[in-house]
């Protein structure tokens, strides 16, 4: 079963593009594949952190409203 992938275009500063190219070359992978993997890791990590913070805030507000 393959995942449905949504297309995204990004423009990178030259230095970031060169780092992406370096990583792709070192891993012997396609530039787009490496970019997708890195973007996925960052998005999932930051998204998770936001969800956790929102849940904590929600619990704090709920606990504090009964006083």
C-alpha atoms as a PDB file:
ATOM      1  CA  UNK A   1       0.000   0.000   0.000  1.00  0.00           C
ATOM      2  CA  UNK A   2       1.484   3.339  -0.976  1.00  0.00           C
ATOM      3  CA  UNK A   3       0.795   6.615   0.736  1.00  0.00           C
ATOM      4  CA  UNK A   4      -0.866   9.450  -1.108  1.00  0.00           C
ATOM      5  CA  UNK A   5       1.751  12.167  -1.414  1.00  0.00           C
ATOM      6  CA  UNK A   6       0.811  15.813  -1.861  1.00  0.00           C
ATOM      7  CA  UNK A   7       3.027  17.964  -4.079  1.00  0.00           C
ATOM      8  CA  UNK A   8       4.876  20.884  -2.501  1.00  0.00           C
ATOM      9  CA  UNK A   9       7.341  23.306  -4.008  1.00  0.00           C
ATOM     10  CA  UNK A  10       9.882  25.186  -1.920  1.00  0.00           C
ATOM     11  CA  UNK A  11      12.603  27.657  -2.674  1.00  0.00           C
ATOM     12  CA  UNK A  12      15.747  27.284  -0.612  1.00  0.00           C
ATOM     13  CA  UNK A  13      18.545  29.709   0.041  1.00  0.00           C
ATOM     14  CA  UNK A  14      21.685  28.687  -1.836  1.00  0.00           C
ATOM     15  CA  UNK A  15      23.481  27.480   1.298  1.00  0.00           C
ATOM     16  CA  UNK A  16      20.534  25.280   2.323  1.00  0.00           C
ATOM     17  CA  UNK A  17      20.299  23.852  -1.200  1.00  0.00           C
ATOM     18  CA  UNK A  18      23.991  22.941  -1.124  1.00  0.00           C
ATOM     19  CA  UNK A  19      23.549  21.218   2.244  1.00  0.00           C
ATOM     20  CA  UNK A  20      20.584  19.270   0.872  1.00  0.00           C
ATOM     21  CA  UNK A  21      22.670  18.256  -2.134  1.00  0.00           C
ATOM     22  CA  UNK A  22      25.532  17.213   0.163  1.00  0.00           C
ATOM     23  CA  UNK A  23      23.208  15.054   2.277  1.00  0.00           C
ATOM     24  CA  UNK A  24      21.622  13.472  -0.808  1.00  0.00           C
ATOM     25  CA  UNK A  25      25.026  12.703  -2.292  1.00  0.00           C
ATOM     26  CA  UNK A  26      26.320  11.232   0.972  1.00  0.00           C
ATOM     27  CA  UNK A  27      23.245   8.992   1.255  1.00  0.00           C
ATOM     28  CA  UNK A  28      23.215   8.179  -2.474  1.00  0.00           C
ATOM     29  CA  UNK A  29      19.591   9.300  -2.675  1.00  0.00           C
ATOM     30  CA  UNK A  30      17.541  11.560  -4.898  1.00  0.00           C
ATOM     31  CA  UNK A  31      17.478  15.222  -3.848  1.00  0.00           C
ATOM     32  CA  UNK A  32      13.668  15.250  -3.646  1.00  0.00           C
ATOM     33  CA  UNK A  33      13.573  12.080  -1.568  1.00  0.00           C
ATOM     34  CA  UNK A  34      15.997  13.522   0.977  1.00  0.00           C
ATOM     35  CA  UNK A  35      14.099  16.828   1.075  1.00  0.00           C
ATOM     36  CA  UNK A  36      10.826  14.942   1.670  1.00  0.00           C
ATOM     37  CA  UNK A  37      12.361  12.874   4.481  1.00  0.00           C
ATOM     38  CA  UNK A  38      13.877  15.910   6.211  1.00  0.00           C
ATOM     39  CA  UNK A  39      10.723  17.991   5.860  1.00  0.00           C
ATOM     40  CA  UNK A  40       8.603  15.122   7.173  1.00  0.00           C
ATOM     41  CA  UNK A  41      10.825  14.698  10.255  1.00  0.00           C
ATOM     42  CA  UNK A  42      10.750  18.398  11.076  1.00  0.00           C
ATOM     43  CA  UNK A  43       7.012  18.798  10.478  1.00  0.00           C
ATOM     44  CA  UNK A  44       6.107  15.756  12.554  1.00  0.00           C
ATOM     45  CA  UNK A  45       8.378  16.871  15.406  1.00  0.00           C
ATOM     46  CA  UNK A  46       7.169  20.469  15.488  1.00  0.00           C
ATOM     47  CA  UNK A  47       3.554  19.428  14.985  1.00  0.00           C
ATOM     48  CA  UNK A  48       3.815  16.982  17.885  1.00  0.00           C
ATOM     49  CA  UNK A  49       5.342  19.656  20.126  1.00  0.00           C
ATOM     50  CA  UNK A  50       2.453  22.018  19.331  1.00  0.00           C
ATOM     51  CA  UNK A  51      -0.128  19.295  20.056  1.00  0.00           C
ATOM     52  CA  UNK A  52       1.505  18.488  23.401  1.00  0.00           C
ATOM     53  CA  UNK A  53       1.647  22.173  24.363  1.00  0.00           C
ATOM     54  CA  UNK A  54      -2.015  22.643  23.393  1.00  0.00           C
ATOM     55  CA  UNK A  55      -3.068  19.615  25.450  1.00  0.00           C
ATOM     56  CA  UNK A  56      -1.130  20.870  28.474  1.00  0.00           C
ATOM     57  CA  UNK A  57      -2.625  24.327  28.135  1.00  0.00           C
ATOM     58  CA  UNK A  58      -6.101  22.846  27.794  1.00  0.00           C
ATOM     59  CA  UNK A  59      -5.644  20.785  30.961  1.00  0.00           C
ATOM     60  CA  UNK A  60      -4.246  23.789  32.854  1.00  0.00           C
ATOM     61  CA  UNK A  61      -7.173  25.987  31.827  1.00  0.00           C
ATOM     62  CA  UNK A  62      -9.692  23.266  32.671  1.00  0.00           C
ATOM     63  CA  UNK A  63      -8.173  22.694  36.111  1.00  0.00           C
ATOM     64  CA  UNK A  64      -7.997  26.410  36.853  1.00  0.00           C
ATOM     65  CA  UNK A  65     -11.591  27.187  35.814  1.00  0.00           C
ATOM     66  CA  UNK A  66     -13.138  25.224  38.702  1.00  0.00           C
ATOM     67  CA  UNK A  67     -11.750  27.486  41.391  1.00  0.00           C
END
